[in-house]
Amino acid sequence: MLHVLLPGREKLASVPSFAAWVARGTALPAAVPGYLGALAEHFRWPEGPLPVAALIRQSVAGDAEGALWLCADPAWIQAELNGARLLACGNLVLDGNDAKALVDALAETFDAEGMQLHIGDAAHWQVRLPSYAEVPAFPEPEDALGADFFTQLPQGDAGRRWRALLNEAQVVLHNHPVNRHRTRQGLPPVNSVWLWGAGTLPAWVETGLNRVYSDDLVAWALAHRANVDVQARSQFASLDSANAACELLDLQDIQPDAFERTWWPAIEARLLAGADIRLAFADGQRVSLHRRHRLRFWRKA
């Protein structure tokens, strides 16, 4: 069985061969939309929200035990007439050197609150919190993207400290040389961080998967904690799948042209060889494909 995580179904509708197969496949019950919802179908952990920050920190540094962690991922906020909007989080084409420069600049702001800001990779930063910290609920990036920034922040007295922290971070980032350079290159600025994914390291993570192919650090962190083989997705076509009865291919951020050129031919080859394929679209749609479905010629895309 090959499970494939994909963008929304409409995004890939322009790939004719793929759209034809999907039309002939078997629709499964819809699931929770979003990337973390799709991962939760394959990984299990103790009850509660997924502690993304602690899992990432343990994966990259091995020192997450015994501490409370919070994601503080690089973000782009665009000011508007009546507020501001979160337009990107994490995936901002930020290299390691620039990420380090920004995190170093923010260190004093977080240190003043008894927190330490660390880099997991250029797209994922984590904050080690003091044991006494009370962390309100923050929306996951997928839920906050496109929404008014300020309405997504925790309100009232419980949120005051966190709103002030974000405001200070934005002041530091606003005129940072990295952002001036990015502006000259036509790239969006990293002018804020997005806080989410709080928690402590779970005692265990379980999965029925034998192998994961992904370029996303969240998937790597889950796979590491579950002690399952994880590879860059570029290895998908080159590794033998005979000993991996249940695999996950993470293409949740793929663009249609790359999907049509590279990934769909490799997936279709598995399909025609007799593998069962389960597609998980980001909008919550789920579709099962099998070689015999090619005979459903009366179903049109």
Protein backbone atom coordinates (compact mmCIF):
# COMPACT_ATOMS: atom_id res chain seq x y z
CA MET A 1 0.00 0.00 0.00
CA LEU A 2 1.27 3.44 -0.94
CA HIS A 3 -0.28 6.45 0.77
CA VAL A 4 0.25 9.76 -1.03
CA LEU A 5 -0.30 13.17 0.57
CA LEU A 6 -1.26 15.76 -2.03
CA PRO A 7 -2.40 19.40 -2.34
CA GLY A 8 -6.09 20.12 -2.87
CA ARG A 9 -7.65 18.05 -5.64
CA GLU A 10 -8.43 21.07 -7.81
CA LYS A 11 -4.77 22.06 -7.88
CA LEU A 12 -3.87 18.84 -9.72
CA ALA A 13 -6.94 18.71 -11.98
CA SER A 14 -4.81 19.99 -14.88
CA VAL A 15 -2.81 16.73 -14.99
CA PRO A 16 -4.96 14.72 -17.48
CA SER A 17 -3.78 11.17 -16.81
CA PHE A 18 -3.95 11.66 -13.05
CA ALA A 19 -7.42 13.26 -13.23
CA ALA A 20 -8.66 10.30 -15.29
CA TRP A 21 -7.42 7.80 -12.73
CA VAL A 22 -8.94 9.76 -9.85
CA ALA A 23 -12.30 9.83 -11.64
CA ARG A 24 -12.17 6.05 -11.98
CA GLY A 25 -11.01 5.46 -8.42
CA THR A 26 -13.11 4.75 -5.35
CA ALA A 27 -14.05 7.75 -3.22
CA LEU A 28 -13.48 7.16 0.48
CA PRO A 29 -15.09 9.02 3.40
CA ALA A 30 -13.80 12.58 3.67
CA ALA A 31 -11.31 13.29 6.43
CA VAL A 32 -10.09 16.31 8.38
CA PRO A 33 -8.54 18.79 5.91
CA GLY A 34 -4.92 19.82 6.22
CA TYR A 35 -1.44 18.39 6.45
CA LEU A 36 -1.41 17.54 10.15
CA GLY A 37 -4.80 15.89 9.81
CA ALA A 38 -3.40 13.66 7.06
CA LEU A 39 -0.35 12.75 9.16
CA ALA A 40 -2.61 11.93 12.11
CA GLU A 41 -4.21 9.18 10.00
CA HIS A 42 -0.87 7.37 10.05
CA PHE A 43 0.73 8.27 13.37
CA ARG A 44 -0.58 7.86 16.91
CA TRP A 45 0.66 9.49 20.11
CA PRO A 46 -0.68 9.99 23.65
CA GLU A 47 -3.93 11.95 23.81
CA GLY A 48 -3.81 15.64 23.01
CA PRO A 49 -2.70 17.98 20.21
CA LEU A 50 0.44 17.02 18.33
CA PRO A 51 3.44 18.58 20.16
CA VAL A 52 5.19 19.56 16.94
CA ALA A 53 7.90 21.73 18.50
CA ALA A 54 9.10 19.07 20.95
CA LEU A 55 9.13 16.37 18.27
CA ILE A 56 11.16 18.52 15.89
CA ARG A 57 13.61 19.53 18.59
CA GLN A 58 14.16 15.91 19.60
CA SER A 59 14.65 14.92 15.97
CA VAL A 60 17.25 17.58 15.18
CA ALA A 61 19.03 17.96 18.53
CA GLY A 62 17.97 15.12 20.85
CA ASP A 63 17.48 17.46 23.83
CA ALA A 64 13.70 17.91 24.02
CA GLU A 65 13.17 15.66 27.07
CA GLY A 66 11.92 17.33 30.22
CA ALA A 67 11.04 20.70 28.71
CA LEU A 68 8.09 22.56 27.24
CA TRP A 69 8.53 23.60 23.60
CA LEU A 70 6.72 25.91 21.21
CA CYS A 71 7.14 26.45 17.45
CA ALA A 72 8.09 29.99 16.42
CA ASP A 73 8.27 29.54 12.66
CA PRO A 74 9.39 32.39 10.38
CA ALA A 75 6.36 34.16 8.95
CA TRP A 76 5.32 36.86 6.50
CA ILE A 77 2.58 39.27 7.51
CA GLN A 78 1.23 41.84 5.09
CA ALA A 79 -0.21 45.05 6.48
CA GLU A 80 -3.65 46.10 5.24
CA LEU A 81 -5.85 49.13 5.70
CA ASN A 82 -7.70 47.60 8.63
CA GLY A 83 -5.16 45.19 10.03
CA ALA A 84 -2.68 42.59 8.79
CA ARG A 85 -2.85 39.18 7.18
CA LEU A 86 -0.69 36.08 7.62
CA LEU A 87 0.42 35.16 4.07
CA ALA A 88 3.16 32.60 4.68
CA CYS A 89 4.61 30.54 7.49
CA GLY A 90 7.72 28.39 7.36
CA ASN A 91 8.14 27.99 3.62
CA LEU A 92 9.76 31.34 2.79
CA VAL A 93 12.80 30.24 0.75
CA LEU A 94 15.06 31.05 3.68
CA ASP A 95 18.57 29.60 3.77
CA GLY A 96 20.37 28.46 6.89
CA ASN A 97 22.68 31.46 7.20
CA ASP A 98 19.83 33.97 6.96
CA ALA A 99 17.74 31.95 9.42
CA LYS A 100 20.62 32.00 11.91
CA ALA A 101 21.07 35.76 11.50
CA LEU A 102 17.38 36.37 12.20
CA VAL A 103 17.27 34.00 15.19
CA ASP A 104 20.41 35.61 16.65
CA ALA A 105 18.75 39.03 16.32
CA LEU A 106 15.64 37.73 18.13
CA ALA A 107 17.55 36.01 20.92
CA GLU A 108 17.48 38.96 23.32
CA THR A 109 13.72 39.44 22.87
CA PHE A 110 13.03 35.83 23.85
CA ASP A 111 15.70 35.72 26.55
CA ALA A 112 14.00 38.64 28.29
CA GLU A 113 10.94 36.39 28.72
CA GLY A 114 12.97 33.46 30.04
CA MET A 115 12.76 31.66 26.68
CA GLN A 116 15.43 30.34 24.31
CA LEU A 117 14.90 30.42 20.55
CA HIS A 118 16.51 27.61 18.51
CA ILE A 119 16.67 26.60 14.84
CA GLY A 120 15.41 23.19 13.76
CA ASP A 121 15.94 24.04 10.12
CA ALA A 122 15.50 27.23 8.11
CA ALA A 123 11.70 26.79 8.02
CA HIS A 124 11.14 25.55 11.58
CA TRP A 125 12.24 27.36 14.74
CA GLN A 126 11.52 26.26 18.30
CA VAL A 127 11.31 28.02 21.65
CA ARG A 128 12.26 26.30 24.90
CA LEU A 129 9.87 27.68 27.50
CA PRO A 130 10.29 28.00 31.26
CA SER A 131 8.45 25.33 33.23
CA TYR A 132 6.01 27.86 34.65
CA ALA A 133 4.86 29.16 31.24
CA GLU A 134 1.14 29.00 30.53
CA VAL A 135 0.70 28.60 26.79
CA PRO A 136 -2.67 29.52 25.29
CA ALA A 137 -4.02 27.78 22.21
CA PHE A 138 -2.50 29.01 18.95
CA PRO A 139 -3.98 28.02 15.57
CA GLU A 140 -1.96 25.77 13.30
CA PRO A 141 -0.42 27.65 10.34
CA GLU A 142 -2.83 26.01 7.88
CA ASP A 143 -5.78 27.40 9.82
CA ALA A 144 -4.28 30.87 10.24
CA LEU A 145 -2.98 31.46 6.70
CA GLY A 146 -4.97 34.12 4.88
CA ALA A 147 -6.76 35.18 8.05
CA ASP A 148 -6.47 38.47 9.90
CA PHE A 149 -3.31 38.16 11.99
CA PHE A 150 -4.60 39.85 15.10
CA THR A 151 -7.84 37.87 15.33
CA GLN A 152 -5.76 34.66 15.40
CA LEU A 153 -3.80 35.71 18.49
CA PRO A 154 -4.85 34.72 22.02
CA GLN A 155 -7.00 37.44 23.54
CA GLY A 156 -7.49 38.82 27.06
CA ASP A 157 -5.03 38.75 29.93
CA ALA A 158 -3.82 35.25 29.06
CA GLY A 159 -2.72 36.43 25.63
CA ARG A 160 -1.24 39.81 26.57
CA ARG A 161 2.30 38.49 27.16
CA TRP A 162 2.30 36.63 23.85
CA ARG A 163 0.94 39.54 21.86
CA ALA A 164 3.65 41.76 23.33
CA LEU A 165 6.31 39.18 22.51
CA LEU A 166 5.20 38.99 18.88
CA ASN A 167 5.11 42.77 18.64
CA GLU A 168 8.70 43.01 19.90
CA ALA A 169 9.80 40.31 17.47
CA GLN A 170 8.22 42.18 14.57
CA VAL A 171 10.04 45.38 15.53
CA VAL A 172 13.38 43.52 15.54
CA LEU A 173 12.70 41.89 12.18
CA HIS A 174 11.26 44.92 10.40
CA ASN A 175 14.55 46.57 9.41
CA HIS A 176 16.86 43.58 9.63
CA PRO A 177 19.51 43.47 6.85
CA VAL A 178 18.31 40.01 5.82
CA ASN A 179 14.90 41.44 4.99
CA ARG A 180 16.36 44.39 3.11
CA HIS A 181 18.32 41.91 1.00
CA ARG A 182 15.23 39.75 0.47
CA THR A 183 13.24 42.77 -0.69
CA ARG A 184 15.90 43.58 -3.29
CA GLN A 185 15.63 39.98 -4.52
CA GLY A 186 11.86 40.19 -4.79
CA LEU A 187 11.30 37.79 -1.89
CA PRO A 188 8.77 38.37 0.90
CA PRO A 189 10.20 39.58 4.20
CA VAL A 190 10.42 37.42 7.30
CA ASN A 191 8.73 40.05 9.44
CA SER A 192 7.19 37.93 12.21
CA VAL A 193 7.09 34.47 13.74
CA TRP A 194 4.08 32.24 14.15
CA LEU A 195 3.67 30.50 17.51
CA TRP A 196 2.02 27.06 17.55
CA GLY A 197 2.53 23.34 18.25
CA ALA A 198 3.27 23.62 21.98
CA GLY A 199 3.88 20.63 24.22
CA THR A 200 6.33 18.22 25.75
CA LEU A 201 7.93 15.24 24.04
CA PRO A 202 5.42 12.37 23.87
CA ALA A 203 6.50 9.14 25.52
CA TRP A 204 5.79 7.29 22.28
CA VAL A 205 4.68 7.64 18.68
CA GLU A 206 3.35 4.61 16.78
CA THR A 207 2.67 3.99 13.10
CA GLY A 208 1.74 1.17 10.77
CA LEU A 209 4.04 2.58 8.08
CA ASN A 210 7.28 0.88 7.10
CA ARG A 211 8.81 3.88 5.32
CA VAL A 212 8.18 7.59 4.88
CA TYR A 213 9.36 9.77 1.98
CA SER A 214 9.19 13.46 2.85
CA ASP A 215 11.07 16.75 2.74
CA ASP A 216 9.11 18.19 5.66
CA LEU A 217 10.69 18.24 9.10
CA VAL A 218 7.39 17.52 10.86
CA ALA A 219 7.04 14.19 9.04
CA TRP A 220 10.69 13.38 9.73
CA ALA A 221 10.24 14.12 13.42
CA LEU A 222 7.21 11.82 13.68
CA ALA A 223 8.98 9.05 11.78
CA HIS A 224 12.06 9.34 13.98
CA ARG A 225 9.99 9.12 17.17
CA ALA A 226 8.12 6.12 15.75
CA ASN A 227 11.46 4.51 14.79
CA VAL A 228 10.45 4.04 11.17
CA ASP A 229 12.63 4.47 8.07
CA VAL A 230 12.38 8.00 6.64
CA GLN A 231 13.95 9.22 3.40
CA ALA A 232 14.02 12.38 1.31
CA ARG A 233 11.27 12.09 -1.26
CA SER A 234 13.86 12.21 -4.04
CA GLN A 235 14.66 8.61 -3.03
CA PHE A 236 11.14 7.38 -3.83
CA ALA A 237 11.88 6.00 -7.29
CA SER A 238 15.31 4.59 -6.43
CA LEU A 239 14.62 2.50 -3.31
CA ASP A 240 13.21 -1.01 -3.42
CA SER A 241 9.65 -1.08 -2.07
CA ALA A 242 9.49 -4.87 -1.74
CA ASN A 243 10.38 -4.78 1.95
CA ALA A 244 8.19 -1.75 2.73
CA ALA A 245 4.64 -3.06 2.66
CA CYS A 246 3.15 0.28 3.72
CA GLU A 247 4.75 3.53 2.59
CA LEU A 248 3.91 7.22 2.78
CA LEU A 249 4.93 9.66 0.05
CA ASP A 250 4.56 13.28 1.16
CA LEU A 251 3.83 15.55 -1.82
CA GLN A 252 1.60 17.99 0.04
CA ASP A 253 3.45 21.05 -1.32
CA ILE A 254 4.07 19.82 -4.87
CA GLN A 255 3.37 22.01 -7.89
CA PRO A 256 1.29 20.63 -10.80
CA ASP A 257 4.10 20.74 -13.39
CA ALA A 258 6.53 18.84 -11.14
CA PHE A 259 3.81 16.36 -10.24
CA GLU A 260 3.01 15.68 -13.90
CA ARG A 261 6.64 15.50 -14.99
CA THR A 262 8.20 13.49 -12.15
CA TRP A 263 5.90 12.15 -9.50
CA TRP A 264 2.79 10.94 -11.26
CA PRO A 265 4.72 8.67 -13.68
CA ALA A 266 6.46 7.01 -10.71
CA ILE A 267 3.19 6.58 -8.81
CA GLU A 268 1.36 5.30 -11.90
CA ALA A 269 4.11 2.74 -12.45
CA ARG A 270 3.46 1.39 -8.95
CA LEU A 271 -0.26 1.39 -9.68
CA LEU A 272 0.09 -0.56 -12.93
CA ALA A 273 2.39 -3.02 -11.17
CA GLY A 274 -0.49 -3.89 -8.84
CA ALA A 275 0.08 -1.68 -5.82
CA ASP A 276 -2.87 -0.20 -3.96
CA ILE A 277 -2.65 3.61 -3.86
CA ARG A 278 -4.49 5.78 -1.37
CA LEU A 279 -4.61 9.50 -2.14
CA ALA A 280 -5.06 12.03 0.66
CA PHE A 281 -5.84 15.49 -0.70
CA ALA A 282 -5.27 18.55 1.47
CA ASP A 283 -8.95 19.50 1.20
CA GLY A 284 -9.91 16.30 3.00
CA GLN A 285 -10.92 14.21 -0.03
CA ARG A 286 -9.68 10.62 0.01
CA VAL A 287 -9.52 8.31 -3.02
CA SER A 288 -8.40 4.70 -3.40
CA LEU A 289 -6.82 3.57 -6.69
CA HIS A 290 -6.14 0.07 -7.98
CA ARG A 291 -5.01 -1.29 -11.33
CA ARG A 292 -8.46 -2.76 -12.02
CA HIS A 293 -9.96 0.75 -11.88
CA ARG A 294 -8.56 1.44 -15.34
CA LEU A 295 -11.49 -0.64 -16.66
CA ARG A 296 -14.00 1.93 -15.35
CA PHE A 297 -13.75 3.74 -18.67
CA TRP A 298 -17.27 5.16 -18.34
CA ARG A 299 -16.13 7.43 -15.48
CA LYS A 300 -14.82 10.69 -16.89
CA ALA A 301 -12.64 13.32 -15.22
